[in-house]
C-alpha atoms as a PDB file:
ATOM      1  CA  MET A   1     -44.031  20.601  -9.004  1.00  0.00           C
ATOM      2  CA  THR A   2     -46.697  21.491  -6.284  1.00  0.00           C
ATOM      3  CA  ARG A   3     -50.259  21.197  -5.825  1.00  0.00           C
ATOM      4  CA  THR A   4     -52.572  22.316  -3.055  1.00  0.00           C
ATOM      5  CA  LEU A   5     -55.437  19.576  -1.781  1.00  0.00           C
ATOM      6  CA  LYS A   6     -57.989  19.777   0.700  1.00  0.00           C
ATOM      7  CA  VAL A   7     -58.574  17.075   3.184  1.00  0.00           C
ATOM      8  CA  THR A   8     -62.278  16.523   3.064  1.00  0.00           C
ATOM      9  CA  ASN A   9     -62.856  13.183   4.747  1.00  0.00           C
ATOM     10  CA  PRO A  10     -64.552  13.739   8.029  1.00  0.00           C
ATOM     11  CA  SER A  11     -61.664  12.085  10.383  1.00  0.00           C
ATOM     12  CA  GLY A  12     -58.779  13.972   8.567  1.00  0.00           C
ATOM     13  CA  LEU A  13     -55.651  11.724   8.234  1.00  0.00           C
ATOM     14  CA  HIS A  14     -55.606   8.982  10.959  1.00  0.00           C
ATOM     15  CA  ALA A  15     -53.848   5.764  10.459  1.00  0.00           C
ATOM     16  CA  ARG A  16     -55.974   3.930   7.656  1.00  0.00           C
ATOM     17  CA  PRO A  17     -55.983   7.037   5.157  1.00  0.00           C
ATOM     18  CA  THR A  18     -52.552   7.613   5.881  1.00  0.00           C
ATOM     19  CA  SER A  19     -51.399   4.266   5.135  1.00  0.00           C
ATOM     20  CA  ALA A  20     -53.107   4.564   1.693  1.00  0.00           C
ATOM     21  CA  ILE A  21     -51.316   7.830   0.909  1.00  0.00           C
ATOM     22  CA  VAL A  22     -47.951   6.090   1.756  1.00  0.00           C
ATOM     23  CA  ARG A  23     -48.732   3.194  -0.174  1.00  0.00           C
ATOM     24  CA  CYS A  24     -49.692   5.494  -3.379  1.00  0.00           C
ATOM     25  CA  ALA A  25     -46.579   7.640  -2.772  1.00  0.00           C
ATOM     26  CA  MET A  26     -44.246   4.449  -2.503  1.00  0.00           C
ATOM     27  CA  ARG A  27     -45.081   3.793  -6.147  1.00  0.00           C
ATOM     28  CA  PHE A  28     -43.098   6.726  -7.395  1.00  0.00           C
ATOM     29  CA  ARG A  29     -39.566   7.419  -7.935  1.00  0.00           C
ATOM     30  CA  SER A  30     -40.002  11.235  -7.150  1.00  0.00           C
ATOM     31  CA  GLU A  31     -39.501  12.733  -3.716  1.00  0.00           C
ATOM     32  CA  ILE A  32     -42.779  13.682  -2.347  1.00  0.00           C
ATOM     33  CA  THR A  33     -43.545  15.775   0.518  1.00  0.00           C
ATOM     34  CA  ILE A  34     -46.716  16.977   2.172  1.00  0.00           C
ATOM     35  CA  GLU A  35     -46.941  20.331   4.147  1.00  0.00           C
ATOM     36  CA  ALA A  36     -49.591  20.989   6.590  1.00  0.00           C
ATOM     37  CA  ASN A  37     -49.905  22.866   9.898  1.00  0.00           C
ATOM     38  CA  GLY A  38     -46.473  24.308   9.656  1.00  0.00           C
ATOM     39  CA  ARG A  39     -44.899  21.032   9.193  1.00  0.00           C
ATOM     40  CA  ARG A  40     -43.004  19.354   6.248  1.00  0.00           C
ATOM     41  CA  CYS A  41     -43.453  15.395   6.081  1.00  0.00           C
ATOM     42  CA  SER A  42     -42.203  13.035   4.017  1.00  0.00           C
ATOM     43  CA  ALA A  43     -45.053  11.148   2.009  1.00  0.00           C
ATOM     44  CA  VAL A  44     -43.738   7.678   2.520  1.00  0.00           C
ATOM     45  CA  SER A  45     -43.468   7.963   6.142  1.00  0.00           C
ATOM     46  CA  ILE A  46     -46.676   7.165   7.978  1.00  0.00           C
ATOM     47  CA  MET A  47     -45.454   8.602  11.564  1.00  0.00           C
ATOM     48  CA  ASP A  48     -44.364  11.949   9.620  1.00  0.00           C
ATOM     49  CA  ILE A  49     -47.730  12.536   8.382  1.00  0.00           C
ATOM     50  CA  MET A  50     -49.742  11.405  11.527  1.00  0.00           C
ATOM     51  CA  THR A  51     -47.743  13.806  13.816  1.00  0.00           C
ATOM     52  CA  ALA A  52     -48.676  16.424  11.729  1.00  0.00           C
ATOM     53  CA  ASP A  53     -52.155  16.244  13.036  1.00  0.00           C
ATOM     54  CA  ILE A  54     -53.954  16.804   9.578  1.00  0.00           C
ATOM     55  CA  ARG A  55     -57.856  17.278  10.045  1.00  0.00           C
ATOM     56  CA  SER A  56     -60.707  17.607   7.851  1.00  0.00           C
ATOM     57  CA  GLY A  57     -60.793  20.649   6.057  1.00  0.00           C
ATOM     58  CA  THR A  58     -56.990  21.309   6.178  1.00  0.00           C
ATOM     59  CA  ASP A  59     -55.276  22.480   2.855  1.00  0.00           C
ATOM     60  CA  ILE A  60     -52.177  20.580   2.354  1.00  0.00           C
ATOM     61  CA  VAL A  61     -49.353  21.295  -0.003  1.00  0.00           C
ATOM     62  CA  VAL A  62     -48.013  18.032  -1.811  1.00  0.00           C
ATOM     63  CA  THR A  63     -44.720  18.807  -3.626  1.00  0.00           C
ATOM     64  CA  ALA A  64     -43.210  16.049  -6.022  1.00  0.00           C
ATOM     65  CA  ALA A  65     -39.607  16.311  -7.411  1.00  0.00           C
ATOM     66  CA  GLY A  66     -38.315  13.729  -9.949  1.00  0.00           C
ATOM     67  CA  PRO A  67     -39.014  11.879 -13.179  1.00  0.00           C
ATOM     68  CA  ASP A  68     -42.646  11.070 -12.331  1.00  0.00           C
ATOM     69  CA  ALA A  69     -43.421  14.150 -10.337  1.00  0.00           C
ATOM     70  CA  GLU A  70     -46.782  15.047 -12.464  1.00  0.00           C
ATOM     71  CA  LYS A  71     -47.937  11.434 -12.279  1.00  0.00           C
ATOM     72  CA  ALA A  72     -47.303  11.130  -8.601  1.00  0.00           C
ATOM     73  CA  LEU A  73     -49.191  14.389  -7.856  1.00  0.00           C
ATOM     74  CA  GLN A  74     -52.216  12.953  -9.932  1.00  0.00           C
ATOM     75  CA  ALA A  75     -52.096   9.843  -8.040  1.00  0.00           C
ATOM     76  CA  LEU A  76     -52.150  11.398  -4.738  1.00  0.00           C
ATOM     77  CA  GLU A  77     -54.949  13.803  -5.563  1.00  0.00           C
ATOM     78  CA  ILE A  78     -57.066  10.584  -6.782  1.00  0.00           C
ATOM     79  CA  CYS A  79     -55.894   8.714  -3.651  1.00  0.00           C
ATOM     80  CA  LEU A  80     -57.391  11.508  -1.300  1.00  0.00           C
ATOM     81  CA  GLY A  81     -60.604  11.687  -3.581  1.00  0.00           C
ATOM     82  CA  GLU A  82     -61.261   7.978  -3.217  1.00  0.00           C
ATOM     83  CA  LEU A  83     -60.577   7.940   0.684  1.00  0.00           C
ATOM     84  CA  GLU A  84     -63.334  10.769   0.756  1.00  0.00           C
ATOM     85  CA  ALA A  85     -65.647   8.468  -1.381  1.00  0.00           C
ATOM     86  CA  LYS A  86     -65.106   5.492   0.785  1.00  0.00           C
ATOM     87  CA  GLY A  87     -65.556   7.501   4.342  1.00  0.00           C
ATOM     88  CA  LEU A  88     -62.234   6.776   5.455  1.00  0.00           C
END
């Protein structure tokens, strides 16, 4: 399953929002990847995501494969929205 999401928080995915995404992704058994800027990252690796240099306005493609893939995609979409609401 795949979903395209837009990073809208002004600072992009720096350390704090990236760690929130990783914590969210680790709750699921599905394998989750994030694609951005021509790079594919594991959603459970802070370093992978941070080295992708994902800035505000970037479209990311989140892919989940496994028994709870739909729930994982929904949770990550909510997580990104909460980060924006908190201004992180």
